[in-house]
Amino acid sequence: MRAVALAGGLPPAFSVGGTLEVLLIGALYGGAGGLFYELLARLRPEWHWPRAAILGVALFGFAAATSAAGRGAVAGVPQLRAVVLALFGVLFLAYGTVVHALMVRWEVRPRDLDGSTTTRSGDAG
């Protein structure tokens, strides 16, 4: 956000309220994303890496549609609208990829439910 403010000719500012808002919204989107990811995993278990992109795009769309802060960031620098959307779009896709990679790594297979702690990667955990 600092880069967006500087690019738009605005002074960057820090506030406790703004930081808490970002953390709370991030937690809400993360929870919604986790539920969506689990739904995708159950409905389409054969979609491995496409699931990462779908999660990123879905969260980006959800954030764009529901976030007043996101709309405010874009409205604050209308000449950079495409740059702001591209920047955050890439961040959401990266988030989806990291979440997917971690979920695959730590996913417990059905045969592991007998009490063993073997993860999909074969590491004991």
N, C-alpha and C. Protein backbone atom coordinates (compact mmCIF):
# COMPACT_ATOMS: atom_id res chain seq x y z
N MET A 1 0.83 -1.18 0.00
CA MET A 1 0.00 0.00 0.00
C MET A 1 0.87 1.25 0.00
N ARG A 2 2.02 1.15 0.63
CA ARG A 2 2.95 2.28 0.64
C ARG A 2 3.36 2.64 -0.79
N ALA A 3 3.67 1.61 -1.58
CA ALA A 3 4.08 1.84 -2.97
C ALA A 3 2.95 2.47 -3.77
N VAL A 4 1.72 2.03 -3.53
CA VAL A 4 0.56 2.59 -4.24
C VAL A 4 0.39 4.06 -3.86
N ALA A 5 0.53 4.38 -2.56
CA ALA A 5 0.40 5.76 -2.12
C ALA A 5 1.49 6.63 -2.75
N LEU A 6 2.72 6.15 -2.74
CA LEU A 6 3.82 6.92 -3.32
C LEU A 6 3.63 7.11 -4.82
N ALA A 7 3.19 6.06 -5.51
CA ALA A 7 2.98 6.14 -6.95
C ALA A 7 1.86 7.13 -7.28
N GLY A 8 0.90 7.24 -6.40
CA GLY A 8 -0.21 8.16 -6.63
C GLY A 8 0.05 9.57 -6.13
N GLY A 9 1.28 9.81 -5.61
CA GLY A 9 1.63 11.14 -5.14
C GLY A 9 1.04 11.47 -3.78
N LEU A 10 0.63 10.46 -3.03
CA LEU A 10 0.07 10.67 -1.70
C LEU A 10 1.12 10.32 -0.65
N PRO A 11 1.07 10.99 0.49
CA PRO A 11 2.02 10.64 1.54
C PRO A 11 1.63 9.30 2.19
N PRO A 12 2.57 8.38 2.31
CA PRO A 12 2.24 7.12 2.98
C PRO A 12 2.01 7.37 4.47
N ALA A 13 1.06 6.65 5.02
CA ALA A 13 0.73 6.85 6.42
C ALA A 13 0.51 5.51 7.10
N PHE A 14 0.81 5.46 8.38
CA PHE A 14 0.59 4.26 9.19
C PHE A 14 -0.41 4.62 10.27
N SER A 15 -1.35 3.69 10.50
CA SER A 15 -2.27 3.88 11.61
C SER A 15 -2.57 2.52 12.22
N VAL A 16 -2.80 2.51 13.51
CA VAL A 16 -3.13 1.27 14.19
C VAL A 16 -4.46 0.75 13.67
N GLY A 17 -5.42 1.63 13.48
CA GLY A 17 -6.73 1.22 12.96
C GLY A 17 -6.63 0.61 11.57
N GLY A 18 -5.82 1.20 10.71
CA GLY A 18 -5.63 0.66 9.37
C GLY A 18 -4.97 -0.70 9.40
N THR A 19 -3.98 -0.86 10.28
CA THR A 19 -3.29 -2.14 10.40
C THR A 19 -4.24 -3.22 10.92
N LEU A 20 -5.02 -2.89 11.94
CA LEU A 20 -5.98 -3.86 12.47
C LEU A 20 -7.03 -4.22 11.44
N GLU A 21 -7.46 -3.25 10.65
CA GLU A 21 -8.42 -3.52 9.59
C GLU A 21 -7.86 -4.51 8.57
N VAL A 22 -6.62 -4.30 8.17
CA VAL A 22 -5.98 -5.20 7.20
C VAL A 22 -5.85 -6.60 7.79
N LEU A 23 -5.46 -6.71 9.06
CA LEU A 23 -5.33 -8.02 9.70
C LEU A 23 -6.68 -8.73 9.82
N LEU A 24 -7.70 -8.02 10.23
CA LEU A 24 -9.03 -8.62 10.38
C LEU A 24 -9.60 -9.06 9.04
N ILE A 25 -9.49 -8.20 8.05
CA ILE A 25 -10.01 -8.55 6.72
C ILE A 25 -9.22 -9.73 6.15
N GLY A 26 -7.90 -9.73 6.36
CA GLY A 26 -7.08 -10.85 5.91
C GLY A 26 -7.49 -12.16 6.56
N ALA A 27 -7.80 -12.11 7.85
CA ALA A 27 -8.25 -13.32 8.55
C ALA A 27 -9.60 -13.80 8.01
N LEU A 28 -10.51 -12.86 7.75
CA LEU A 28 -11.82 -13.23 7.21
C LEU A 28 -11.69 -13.84 5.81
N TYR A 29 -10.89 -13.21 4.96
CA TYR A 29 -10.69 -13.74 3.61
C TYR A 29 -9.97 -15.08 3.67
N GLY A 30 -9.02 -15.21 4.58
CA GLY A 30 -8.31 -16.48 4.74
C GLY A 30 -9.24 -17.60 5.16
N GLY A 31 -10.14 -17.31 6.09
CA GLY A 31 -11.12 -18.32 6.51
C GLY A 31 -12.06 -18.70 5.39
N ALA A 32 -12.56 -17.70 4.67
CA ALA A 32 -13.44 -17.98 3.54
C ALA A 32 -12.69 -18.75 2.46
N GLY A 33 -11.44 -18.37 2.23
CA GLY A 33 -10.62 -19.07 1.24
C GLY A 33 -10.36 -20.51 1.63
N GLY A 34 -10.13 -20.75 2.91
CA GLY A 34 -9.92 -22.12 3.39
C GLY A 34 -11.14 -23.00 3.17
N LEU A 35 -12.30 -22.45 3.46
CA LEU A 35 -13.54 -23.20 3.23
C LEU A 35 -13.75 -23.47 1.74
N PHE A 36 -13.48 -22.46 0.90
CA PHE A 36 -13.61 -22.62 -0.54
C PHE A 36 -12.62 -23.64 -1.06
N TYR A 37 -11.39 -23.59 -0.56
CA TYR A 37 -10.36 -24.54 -1.00
C TYR A 37 -10.77 -25.97 -0.64
N GLU A 38 -11.27 -26.16 0.56
CA GLU A 38 -11.70 -27.50 0.98
C GLU A 38 -12.86 -27.98 0.12
N LEU A 39 -13.78 -27.10 -0.20
CA LEU A 39 -14.89 -27.46 -1.08
C LEU A 39 -14.38 -27.89 -2.45
N LEU A 40 -13.44 -27.11 -3.01
CA LEU A 40 -12.84 -27.48 -4.29
C LEU A 40 -12.13 -28.83 -4.21
N ALA A 41 -11.40 -29.04 -3.13
CA ALA A 41 -10.65 -30.29 -2.97
C ALA A 41 -11.59 -31.49 -2.93
N ARG A 42 -12.75 -31.31 -2.32
CA ARG A 42 -13.71 -32.42 -2.24
C ARG A 42 -14.46 -32.64 -3.55
N LEU A 43 -14.80 -31.53 -4.22
CA LEU A 43 -15.56 -31.65 -5.46
C LEU A 43 -14.69 -32.06 -6.65
N ARG A 44 -13.47 -31.60 -6.69
CA ARG A 44 -12.56 -31.87 -7.81
C ARG A 44 -11.18 -32.28 -7.29
N PRO A 45 -11.07 -33.46 -6.68
CA PRO A 45 -9.76 -33.86 -6.13
C PRO A 45 -8.68 -34.04 -7.19
N GLU A 46 -9.07 -34.26 -8.44
CA GLU A 46 -8.08 -34.45 -9.50
C GLU A 46 -7.47 -33.13 -9.96
N TRP A 47 -8.06 -31.99 -9.61
CA TRP A 47 -7.51 -30.69 -9.97
C TRP A 47 -6.48 -30.29 -8.94
N HIS A 48 -5.23 -30.48 -9.26
CA HIS A 48 -4.21 -30.13 -8.27
C HIS A 48 -3.80 -28.67 -8.41
N TRP A 49 -2.96 -28.34 -9.37
CA TRP A 49 -2.49 -26.96 -9.49
C TRP A 49 -3.57 -26.01 -10.01
N PRO A 50 -4.53 -26.45 -10.80
CA PRO A 50 -5.59 -25.49 -11.15
C PRO A 50 -6.34 -24.98 -9.91
N ARG A 51 -6.37 -25.80 -8.87
CA ARG A 51 -7.02 -25.39 -7.63
C ARG A 51 -6.34 -24.14 -7.05
N ALA A 52 -5.02 -24.04 -7.17
CA ALA A 52 -4.29 -22.88 -6.67
C ALA A 52 -4.72 -21.61 -7.40
N ALA A 53 -4.80 -21.69 -8.72
CA ALA A 53 -5.21 -20.53 -9.51
C ALA A 53 -6.67 -20.17 -9.24
N ILE A 54 -7.51 -21.18 -9.13
CA ILE A 54 -8.93 -20.93 -8.85
C ILE A 54 -9.10 -20.24 -7.51
N LEU A 55 -8.35 -20.70 -6.50
CA LEU A 55 -8.42 -20.08 -5.17
C LEU A 55 -7.97 -18.63 -5.25
N GLY A 56 -6.85 -18.37 -5.91
CA GLY A 56 -6.35 -16.99 -6.02
C GLY A 56 -7.33 -16.08 -6.74
N VAL A 57 -7.87 -16.55 -7.85
CA VAL A 57 -8.82 -15.73 -8.62
C VAL A 57 -10.11 -15.52 -7.82
N ALA A 58 -10.59 -16.56 -7.16
CA ALA A 58 -11.83 -16.43 -6.38
C ALA A 58 -11.65 -15.44 -5.23
N LEU A 59 -10.53 -15.52 -4.52
CA LEU A 59 -10.30 -14.59 -3.42
C LEU A 59 -10.11 -13.16 -3.92
N PHE A 60 -9.44 -13.02 -5.06
CA PHE A 60 -9.28 -11.69 -5.65
C PHE A 60 -10.64 -11.11 -6.02
N GLY A 61 -11.48 -11.93 -6.64
CA GLY A 61 -12.82 -11.47 -7.00
C GLY A 61 -13.65 -11.12 -5.78
N PHE A 62 -13.55 -11.97 -4.75
CA PHE A 62 -14.29 -11.73 -3.50
C PHE A 62 -13.81 -10.43 -2.86
N ALA A 63 -12.50 -10.23 -2.82
CA ALA A 63 -11.95 -9.02 -2.21
C ALA A 63 -12.34 -7.78 -3.03
N ALA A 64 -12.27 -7.89 -4.33
CA ALA A 64 -12.62 -6.75 -5.18
C ALA A 64 -14.10 -6.38 -5.03
N ALA A 65 -14.93 -7.39 -4.85
CA ALA A 65 -16.37 -7.14 -4.75
C ALA A 65 -16.80 -6.65 -3.37
N THR A 66 -16.07 -7.02 -2.33
CA THR A 66 -16.53 -6.73 -0.98
C THR A 66 -15.70 -5.72 -0.21
N SER A 67 -14.51 -5.42 -0.66
CA SER A 67 -13.59 -4.61 0.13
C SER A 67 -13.73 -3.12 -0.18
N ALA A 68 -14.23 -2.38 0.80
CA ALA A 68 -14.28 -0.93 0.64
C ALA A 68 -12.86 -0.37 0.64
N ALA A 69 -11.96 -0.99 1.41
CA ALA A 69 -10.56 -0.53 1.44
C ALA A 69 -9.92 -0.72 0.07
N GLY A 70 -10.20 -1.84 -0.56
CA GLY A 70 -9.65 -2.10 -1.89
C GLY A 70 -10.17 -1.11 -2.92
N ARG A 71 -11.45 -0.85 -2.87
CA ARG A 71 -12.02 0.14 -3.79
C ARG A 71 -11.46 1.53 -3.50
N GLY A 72 -11.23 1.81 -2.22
CA GLY A 72 -10.65 3.10 -1.84
C GLY A 72 -9.23 3.25 -2.35
N ALA A 73 -8.46 2.17 -2.29
CA ALA A 73 -7.08 2.21 -2.79
C ALA A 73 -7.06 2.50 -4.28
N VAL A 74 -7.95 1.87 -5.01
CA VAL A 74 -8.02 2.09 -6.46
C VAL A 74 -8.55 3.49 -6.75
N ALA A 75 -9.55 3.93 -6.01
CA ALA A 75 -10.13 5.25 -6.24
C ALA A 75 -9.14 6.36 -5.89
N GLY A 76 -8.25 6.09 -4.92
CA GLY A 76 -7.27 7.10 -4.52
C GLY A 76 -6.25 7.41 -5.60
N VAL A 77 -6.03 6.48 -6.48
CA VAL A 77 -5.06 6.67 -7.57
C VAL A 77 -5.67 6.14 -8.87
N PRO A 78 -6.69 6.84 -9.39
CA PRO A 78 -7.40 6.32 -10.57
C PRO A 78 -6.50 6.14 -11.79
N GLN A 79 -5.45 6.94 -11.91
CA GLN A 79 -4.56 6.80 -13.05
C GLN A 79 -3.74 5.51 -12.98
N LEU A 80 -3.68 4.89 -11.81
CA LEU A 80 -2.92 3.66 -11.65
C LEU A 80 -3.82 2.45 -11.40
N ARG A 81 -5.08 2.55 -11.75
CA ARG A 81 -6.04 1.48 -11.50
C ARG A 81 -5.54 0.12 -12.00
N ALA A 82 -5.07 0.06 -13.22
CA ALA A 82 -4.59 -1.21 -13.79
C ALA A 82 -3.39 -1.74 -13.03
N VAL A 83 -2.49 -0.84 -12.63
CA VAL A 83 -1.29 -1.25 -11.88
C VAL A 83 -1.69 -1.82 -10.51
N VAL A 84 -2.60 -1.13 -9.83
CA VAL A 84 -3.05 -1.59 -8.51
C VAL A 84 -3.74 -2.95 -8.62
N LEU A 85 -4.63 -3.10 -9.59
CA LEU A 85 -5.32 -4.37 -9.77
C LEU A 85 -4.36 -5.49 -10.15
N ALA A 86 -3.39 -5.20 -11.01
CA ALA A 86 -2.41 -6.22 -11.39
C ALA A 86 -1.54 -6.61 -10.20
N LEU A 87 -1.10 -5.63 -9.42
CA LEU A 87 -0.28 -5.91 -8.24
C LEU A 87 -1.01 -6.83 -7.27
N PHE A 88 -2.23 -6.48 -6.94
CA PHE A 88 -2.97 -7.30 -5.99
C PHE A 88 -3.42 -8.62 -6.61
N GLY A 89 -3.68 -8.63 -7.91
CA GLY A 89 -4.01 -9.89 -8.58
C GLY A 89 -2.87 -10.88 -8.48
N VAL A 90 -1.66 -10.42 -8.71
CA VAL A 90 -0.48 -11.29 -8.60
C VAL A 90 -0.31 -11.78 -7.16
N LEU A 91 -0.54 -10.91 -6.20
CA LEU A 91 -0.42 -11.32 -4.79
C LEU A 91 -1.45 -12.41 -4.43
N PHE A 92 -2.66 -12.26 -4.92
CA PHE A 92 -3.68 -13.27 -4.64
C PHE A 92 -3.35 -14.59 -5.32
N LEU A 93 -2.84 -14.56 -6.54
CA LEU A 93 -2.44 -15.80 -7.22
C LEU A 93 -1.27 -16.47 -6.48
N ALA A 94 -0.33 -15.67 -6.01
CA ALA A 94 0.78 -16.22 -5.23
C ALA A 94 0.27 -16.84 -3.94
N TYR A 95 -0.68 -16.18 -3.29
CA TYR A 95 -1.27 -16.72 -2.07
C TYR A 95 -1.94 -18.06 -2.35
N GLY A 96 -2.71 -18.15 -3.42
CA GLY A 96 -3.35 -19.42 -3.77
C GLY A 96 -2.34 -20.51 -4.02
N THR A 97 -1.23 -20.18 -4.66
CA THR A 97 -0.19 -21.16 -4.95
C THR A 97 0.48 -21.64 -3.67
N VAL A 98 0.80 -20.73 -2.77
CA VAL A 98 1.44 -21.11 -1.51
C VAL A 98 0.49 -21.95 -0.65
N VAL A 99 -0.77 -21.54 -0.57
CA VAL A 99 -1.74 -22.32 0.21
C VAL A 99 -1.85 -23.73 -0.36
N HIS A 100 -1.94 -23.84 -1.68
CA HIS A 100 -2.07 -25.16 -2.29
C HIS A 100 -0.83 -26.01 -2.02
N ALA A 101 0.34 -25.43 -2.17
CA ALA A 101 1.58 -26.19 -1.94
C ALA A 101 1.65 -26.69 -0.50
N LEU A 102 1.27 -25.86 0.44
CA LEU A 102 1.28 -26.28 1.85
C LEU A 102 0.22 -27.33 2.13
N MET A 103 -0.94 -27.17 1.55
CA MET A 103 -2.02 -28.15 1.78
C MET A 103 -1.64 -29.51 1.21
N VAL A 104 -1.03 -29.53 0.04
CA VAL A 104 -0.59 -30.80 -0.55
C VAL A 104 0.49 -31.43 0.31
N ARG A 105 1.40 -30.62 0.80
CA ARG A 105 2.50 -31.13 1.62
C ARG A 105 2.00 -31.72 2.92
N TRP A 106 1.04 -31.07 3.54
CA TRP A 106 0.58 -31.49 4.86
C TRP A 106 -0.69 -32.32 4.86
N GLU A 107 -1.22 -32.59 3.69
CA GLU A 107 -2.47 -33.34 3.60
C GLU A 107 -2.30 -34.76 4.14
N VAL A 108 -3.23 -35.18 4.96
CA VAL A 108 -3.21 -36.53 5.50
C VAL A 108 -4.03 -37.42 4.58
N ARG A 109 -3.43 -38.50 4.14
CA ARG A 109 -4.13 -39.44 3.26
C ARG A 109 -5.07 -40.32 4.09
N PRO A 110 -6.13 -40.84 3.47
CA PRO A 110 -7.08 -41.68 4.22
C PRO A 110 -6.42 -42.85 4.93
N ARG A 111 -5.42 -43.48 4.33
CA ARG A 111 -4.80 -44.63 5.00
C ARG A 111 -3.98 -44.21 6.20
N ASP A 112 -3.71 -42.91 6.33
CA ASP A 112 -2.95 -42.42 7.47
C ASP A 112 -3.83 -42.21 8.70
N LEU A 113 -5.11 -42.35 8.55
CA LEU A 113 -6.02 -42.10 9.66
C LEU A 113 -5.99 -43.20 10.71
N ASP A 114 -5.17 -44.23 10.50
CA ASP A 114 -5.06 -45.30 11.48
C ASP A 114 -4.17 -44.92 12.65
N GLY A 115 -3.73 -43.68 12.69
CA GLY A 115 -2.91 -43.23 13.80
C GLY A 115 -1.50 -42.87 13.40
N SER A 116 -1.06 -43.25 12.19
CA SER A 116 0.28 -42.88 11.76
C SER A 116 0.28 -41.39 11.42
N THR A 117 1.45 -40.80 11.38
CA THR A 117 1.53 -39.37 11.11
C THR A 117 2.26 -39.09 9.79
N THR A 118 2.21 -40.02 8.87
CA THR A 118 2.86 -39.83 7.59
C THR A 118 2.06 -38.85 6.75
N THR A 119 2.74 -37.85 6.20
CA THR A 119 2.07 -36.89 5.33
C THR A 119 2.23 -37.35 3.89
N ARG A 120 1.60 -36.64 2.99
CA ARG A 120 1.63 -37.01 1.58
C ARG A 120 3.08 -37.06 1.06
N SER A 121 3.92 -36.18 1.57
CA SER A 121 5.30 -36.14 1.09
C SER A 121 6.14 -37.29 1.65
N GLY A 122 5.58 -38.04 2.60
CA GLY A 122 6.29 -39.18 3.15
C GLY A 122 7.09 -38.86 4.40
N ASP A 123 7.12 -37.59 4.78
CA ASP A 123 7.84 -37.22 5.98
C ASP A 123 7.04 -37.61 7.20
N ALA A 124 7.71 -38.03 8.24
CA ALA A 124 7.02 -38.30 9.49
C ALA A 124 6.81 -36.96 10.18
N GLY A 125 5.64 -36.75 10.73
CA GLY A 125 5.39 -35.45 11.33
C GLY A 125 4.66 -35.58 12.54
